[in-house]
Amino acid sequence: TTLDNGRAVSLLDLPIGAVRNAFYQQLTGKNPIQIRAYWSRQVFTGRALPPREARGIEEAREILVAEPNTIGYLPEAEIDSRLRVLLRLP
C-alpha cells in the first residue's frame, strides 16, 4: 500500500480486453468475473477501491512514467527504458 518513502501506491489497470484478462489469469489464476467480484467485495467492505483504468496501453505507459508511485502492467513489447519492471510473468 505504500512505497519505501512512505508515499501511497496508486494502482493502474488496462481497459477490459485480452491483455487485462491474460494478466489477471497469469497473476491470480482468476477469470474476469472473479476479479470483478473481488473488487466489488473490496469496495463494499470499504477495504479498497479498484485500480484507476487507463484508456489504453499508450496512456498507461505515460501515466506509469509520469507518476512514479503508480504500479501497473504492460505487455513486454510496450516496456521502455523509462519504466522500472518489478515482475515479469511468463
N, C-alpha and C. Protein backbone atom coordinates (compact mmCIF):
# COMPACT_ATOMS: atom_id res chain seq x y z
N THR A 1 0.81 -1.21 0.00
CA THR A 1 0.00 0.00 0.00
C THR A 1 0.85 1.27 0.00
N THR A 2 2.10 1.17 0.47
CA THR A 2 2.99 2.32 0.43
C THR A 2 4.37 1.91 -0.08
N LEU A 3 5.09 2.89 -0.60
CA LEU A 3 6.45 2.67 -1.07
C LEU A 3 7.42 2.86 0.09
N ASP A 4 8.70 2.57 -0.13
CA ASP A 4 9.71 2.73 0.91
C ASP A 4 9.75 4.15 1.47
N ASN A 5 9.45 5.13 0.62
CA ASN A 5 9.50 6.53 1.05
C ASN A 5 8.21 6.97 1.76
N GLY A 6 7.27 6.04 1.96
CA GLY A 6 6.03 6.35 2.66
C GLY A 6 4.91 6.84 1.78
N ARG A 7 5.18 7.07 0.51
CA ARG A 7 4.13 7.54 -0.41
C ARG A 7 3.17 6.41 -0.73
N ALA A 8 1.90 6.76 -0.82
CA ALA A 8 0.86 5.77 -1.14
C ALA A 8 1.03 5.27 -2.57
N VAL A 9 0.79 3.99 -2.76
CA VAL A 9 0.85 3.39 -4.09
C VAL A 9 -0.50 3.57 -4.77
N SER A 10 -0.45 3.91 -6.04
CA SER A 10 -1.64 4.03 -6.86
C SER A 10 -1.61 2.90 -7.88
N LEU A 11 -2.72 2.20 -8.04
CA LEU A 11 -2.78 1.08 -8.99
C LEU A 11 -3.39 1.52 -10.30
N LEU A 12 -2.89 0.97 -11.39
CA LEU A 12 -3.36 1.31 -12.73
C LEU A 12 -3.71 0.05 -13.49
N ASP A 13 -4.88 0.04 -14.08
CA ASP A 13 -5.37 -1.12 -14.83
C ASP A 13 -5.50 -0.74 -16.30
N LEU A 14 -5.41 -1.73 -17.16
CA LEU A 14 -5.70 -1.53 -18.58
C LEU A 14 -7.20 -1.72 -18.80
N PRO A 15 -7.73 -1.25 -19.93
CA PRO A 15 -9.15 -1.46 -20.20
C PRO A 15 -9.48 -2.93 -20.34
N ILE A 16 -10.75 -3.25 -20.16
CA ILE A 16 -11.21 -4.63 -20.31
C ILE A 16 -10.82 -5.13 -21.70
N GLY A 17 -10.25 -6.32 -21.74
CA GLY A 17 -9.84 -6.90 -23.01
C GLY A 17 -8.86 -8.04 -22.78
N ALA A 18 -8.29 -8.50 -23.86
CA ALA A 18 -7.44 -9.69 -23.83
C ALA A 18 -6.19 -9.52 -22.96
N VAL A 19 -5.53 -8.36 -23.04
CA VAL A 19 -4.30 -8.15 -22.27
C VAL A 19 -4.62 -8.16 -20.78
N ARG A 20 -5.67 -7.46 -20.39
CA ARG A 20 -6.07 -7.41 -18.98
C ARG A 20 -6.47 -8.80 -18.47
N ASN A 21 -7.28 -9.49 -19.25
CA ASN A 21 -7.72 -10.83 -18.84
C ASN A 21 -6.54 -11.78 -18.67
N ALA A 22 -5.59 -11.74 -19.61
CA ALA A 22 -4.41 -12.61 -19.54
C ALA A 22 -3.56 -12.26 -18.32
N PHE A 23 -3.40 -10.97 -18.04
CA PHE A 23 -2.63 -10.55 -16.88
C PHE A 23 -3.20 -11.12 -15.59
N TYR A 24 -4.49 -10.91 -15.37
CA TYR A 24 -5.10 -11.38 -14.13
C TYR A 24 -5.11 -12.91 -14.04
N GLN A 25 -5.30 -13.57 -15.16
CA GLN A 25 -5.29 -15.03 -15.16
C GLN A 25 -3.91 -15.54 -14.76
N GLN A 26 -2.86 -14.96 -15.35
CA GLN A 26 -1.50 -15.39 -15.03
C GLN A 26 -1.11 -15.03 -13.60
N LEU A 27 -1.48 -13.83 -13.15
CA LEU A 27 -1.07 -13.37 -11.83
C LEU A 27 -1.85 -14.05 -10.71
N THR A 28 -3.17 -14.18 -10.89
CA THR A 28 -4.02 -14.65 -9.79
C THR A 28 -4.69 -15.99 -10.04
N GLY A 29 -4.73 -16.41 -11.30
CA GLY A 29 -5.45 -17.64 -11.63
C GLY A 29 -6.96 -17.42 -11.67
N LYS A 30 -7.38 -16.15 -11.69
CA LYS A 30 -8.82 -15.84 -11.69
C LYS A 30 -9.24 -15.28 -13.04
N ASN A 31 -10.49 -15.58 -13.41
CA ASN A 31 -11.03 -15.06 -14.66
C ASN A 31 -11.63 -13.68 -14.42
N PRO A 32 -12.04 -12.97 -15.48
CA PRO A 32 -12.56 -11.61 -15.32
C PRO A 32 -13.76 -11.50 -14.37
N ILE A 33 -14.63 -12.46 -14.37
CA ILE A 33 -15.81 -12.42 -13.47
C ILE A 33 -15.35 -12.50 -12.02
N GLN A 34 -14.38 -13.36 -11.73
CA GLN A 34 -13.87 -13.49 -10.37
C GLN A 34 -13.14 -12.22 -9.91
N ILE A 35 -12.43 -11.58 -10.82
CA ILE A 35 -11.74 -10.34 -10.49
C ILE A 35 -12.75 -9.23 -10.19
N ARG A 36 -13.80 -9.13 -11.01
CA ARG A 36 -14.84 -8.12 -10.74
C ARG A 36 -15.50 -8.37 -9.39
N ALA A 37 -15.74 -9.62 -9.06
CA ALA A 37 -16.35 -9.96 -7.77
C ALA A 37 -15.41 -9.58 -6.63
N TYR A 38 -14.12 -9.82 -6.80
CA TYR A 38 -13.14 -9.45 -5.78
C TYR A 38 -13.19 -7.95 -5.51
N TRP A 39 -13.15 -7.14 -6.57
CA TRP A 39 -13.14 -5.69 -6.39
C TRP A 39 -14.48 -5.21 -5.84
N SER A 40 -15.57 -5.84 -6.21
CA SER A 40 -16.87 -5.48 -5.66
C SER A 40 -16.88 -5.68 -4.14
N ARG A 41 -16.32 -6.80 -3.70
CA ARG A 41 -16.25 -7.06 -2.25
C ARG A 41 -15.36 -6.04 -1.55
N GLN A 42 -14.24 -5.70 -2.15
CA GLN A 42 -13.33 -4.72 -1.56
C GLN A 42 -14.01 -3.36 -1.39
N VAL A 43 -14.72 -2.95 -2.42
CA VAL A 43 -15.42 -1.66 -2.38
C VAL A 43 -16.54 -1.71 -1.35
N PHE A 44 -17.34 -2.77 -1.38
CA PHE A 44 -18.48 -2.89 -0.48
C PHE A 44 -18.06 -2.86 0.99
N THR A 45 -16.95 -3.52 1.30
CA THR A 45 -16.49 -3.57 2.69
C THR A 45 -15.65 -2.35 3.07
N GLY A 46 -15.37 -1.48 2.12
CA GLY A 46 -14.59 -0.28 2.41
C GLY A 46 -13.10 -0.53 2.53
N ARG A 47 -12.64 -1.67 2.08
CA ARG A 47 -11.21 -2.00 2.20
C ARG A 47 -10.34 -1.34 1.15
N ALA A 48 -10.89 -1.20 -0.06
CA ALA A 48 -10.08 -0.66 -1.15
C ALA A 48 -10.96 -0.24 -2.30
N LEU A 49 -10.39 0.58 -3.17
CA LEU A 49 -11.03 0.95 -4.42
C LEU A 49 -10.32 0.24 -5.55
N PRO A 50 -11.03 -0.07 -6.63
CA PRO A 50 -10.36 -0.73 -7.75
C PRO A 50 -9.33 0.19 -8.39
N PRO A 51 -8.39 -0.37 -9.15
CA PRO A 51 -7.38 0.47 -9.80
C PRO A 51 -8.02 1.45 -10.78
N ARG A 52 -7.34 2.58 -10.94
CA ARG A 52 -7.74 3.54 -11.98
C ARG A 52 -7.53 2.86 -13.32
N GLU A 53 -8.41 3.12 -14.27
CA GLU A 53 -8.33 2.45 -15.57
C GLU A 53 -7.84 3.42 -16.64
N ALA A 54 -6.73 3.04 -17.28
CA ALA A 54 -6.22 3.81 -18.42
C ALA A 54 -7.09 3.51 -19.64
N ARG A 55 -7.09 4.43 -20.59
CA ARG A 55 -7.88 4.23 -21.81
C ARG A 55 -7.22 3.26 -22.78
N GLY A 56 -5.93 3.03 -22.59
CA GLY A 56 -5.21 2.12 -23.48
C GLY A 56 -3.79 1.95 -23.03
N ILE A 57 -3.05 1.15 -23.76
CA ILE A 57 -1.66 0.84 -23.41
C ILE A 57 -0.79 2.09 -23.45
N GLU A 58 -0.97 2.93 -24.46
CA GLU A 58 -0.15 4.13 -24.57
C GLU A 58 -0.36 5.06 -23.39
N GLU A 59 -1.62 5.27 -23.01
CA GLU A 59 -1.91 6.13 -21.87
C GLU A 59 -1.36 5.51 -20.59
N ALA A 60 -1.49 4.21 -20.42
CA ALA A 60 -0.96 3.54 -19.23
C ALA A 60 0.54 3.75 -19.13
N ARG A 61 1.25 3.59 -20.23
CA ARG A 61 2.70 3.77 -20.22
C ARG A 61 3.06 5.20 -19.80
N GLU A 62 2.36 6.18 -20.33
CA GLU A 62 2.66 7.58 -19.99
C GLU A 62 2.34 7.88 -18.53
N ILE A 63 1.27 7.33 -18.01
CA ILE A 63 0.95 7.52 -16.59
C ILE A 63 2.02 6.88 -15.72
N LEU A 64 2.45 5.68 -16.07
CA LEU A 64 3.48 4.99 -15.29
C LEU A 64 4.80 5.75 -15.29
N VAL A 65 5.12 6.41 -16.40
CA VAL A 65 6.35 7.20 -16.48
C VAL A 65 6.20 8.49 -15.66
N ALA A 66 5.05 9.14 -15.77
CA ALA A 66 4.84 10.44 -15.13
C ALA A 66 4.59 10.36 -13.63
N GLU A 67 4.06 9.24 -13.17
CA GLU A 67 3.68 9.11 -11.76
C GLU A 67 4.44 7.93 -11.13
N PRO A 68 5.59 8.20 -10.52
CA PRO A 68 6.44 7.13 -10.02
C PRO A 68 5.84 6.29 -8.89
N ASN A 69 4.77 6.76 -8.27
CA ASN A 69 4.14 5.97 -7.20
C ASN A 69 3.02 5.08 -7.75
N THR A 70 2.91 5.00 -9.07
CA THR A 70 1.88 4.19 -9.70
C THR A 70 2.47 2.85 -10.15
N ILE A 71 1.71 1.78 -9.89
CA ILE A 71 2.09 0.44 -10.31
C ILE A 71 1.04 -0.07 -11.28
N GLY A 72 1.49 -0.59 -12.40
CA GLY A 72 0.58 -1.12 -13.41
C GLY A 72 1.27 -2.25 -14.16
N TYR A 73 0.70 -2.62 -15.26
CA TYR A 73 1.26 -3.71 -16.07
C TYR A 73 1.12 -3.37 -17.54
N LEU A 74 2.05 -3.88 -18.32
CA LEU A 74 2.07 -3.67 -19.77
C LEU A 74 2.56 -4.94 -20.45
N PRO A 75 2.17 -5.14 -21.70
CA PRO A 75 2.78 -6.24 -22.46
C PRO A 75 4.29 -5.99 -22.60
N GLU A 76 5.05 -7.04 -22.65
CA GLU A 76 6.52 -6.95 -22.73
C GLU A 76 6.98 -5.99 -23.82
N ALA A 77 6.35 -6.05 -24.97
CA ALA A 77 6.77 -5.21 -26.12
C ALA A 77 6.55 -3.72 -25.87
N GLU A 78 5.76 -3.37 -24.89
CA GLU A 78 5.43 -1.96 -24.62
C GLU A 78 6.30 -1.34 -23.54
N ILE A 79 7.21 -2.10 -22.97
CA ILE A 79 8.07 -1.59 -21.90
C ILE A 79 9.27 -0.89 -22.52
N ASP A 80 9.59 0.31 -21.99
CA ASP A 80 10.77 1.01 -22.47
C ASP A 80 11.68 1.37 -21.30
N SER A 81 12.80 2.01 -21.59
CA SER A 81 13.83 2.27 -20.58
C SER A 81 13.38 3.24 -19.49
N ARG A 82 12.29 3.95 -19.68
CA ARG A 82 11.80 4.89 -18.66
C ARG A 82 11.07 4.18 -17.53
N LEU A 83 10.75 2.91 -17.71
CA LEU A 83 9.96 2.16 -16.74
C LEU A 83 10.83 1.21 -15.92
N ARG A 84 10.42 0.99 -14.70
CA ARG A 84 11.10 0.02 -13.83
C ARG A 84 10.21 -1.21 -13.71
N VAL A 85 10.73 -2.36 -14.08
CA VAL A 85 9.98 -3.62 -14.07
C VAL A 85 10.16 -4.27 -12.70
N LEU A 86 9.03 -4.55 -12.05
CA LEU A 86 9.06 -5.21 -10.74
C LEU A 86 8.88 -6.71 -10.84
N LEU A 87 8.16 -7.17 -11.87
CA LEU A 87 7.86 -8.58 -12.03
C LEU A 87 7.59 -8.87 -13.50
N ARG A 88 8.12 -9.96 -13.99
CA ARG A 88 7.81 -10.42 -15.35
C ARG A 88 7.04 -11.73 -15.23
N LEU A 89 5.89 -11.78 -15.90
CA LEU A 89 5.10 -13.00 -15.92
C LEU A 89 5.43 -13.79 -17.17
N PRO A 90 5.37 -15.12 -17.09
CA PRO A 90 5.70 -15.94 -18.27
C PRO A 90 4.69 -15.76 -19.39
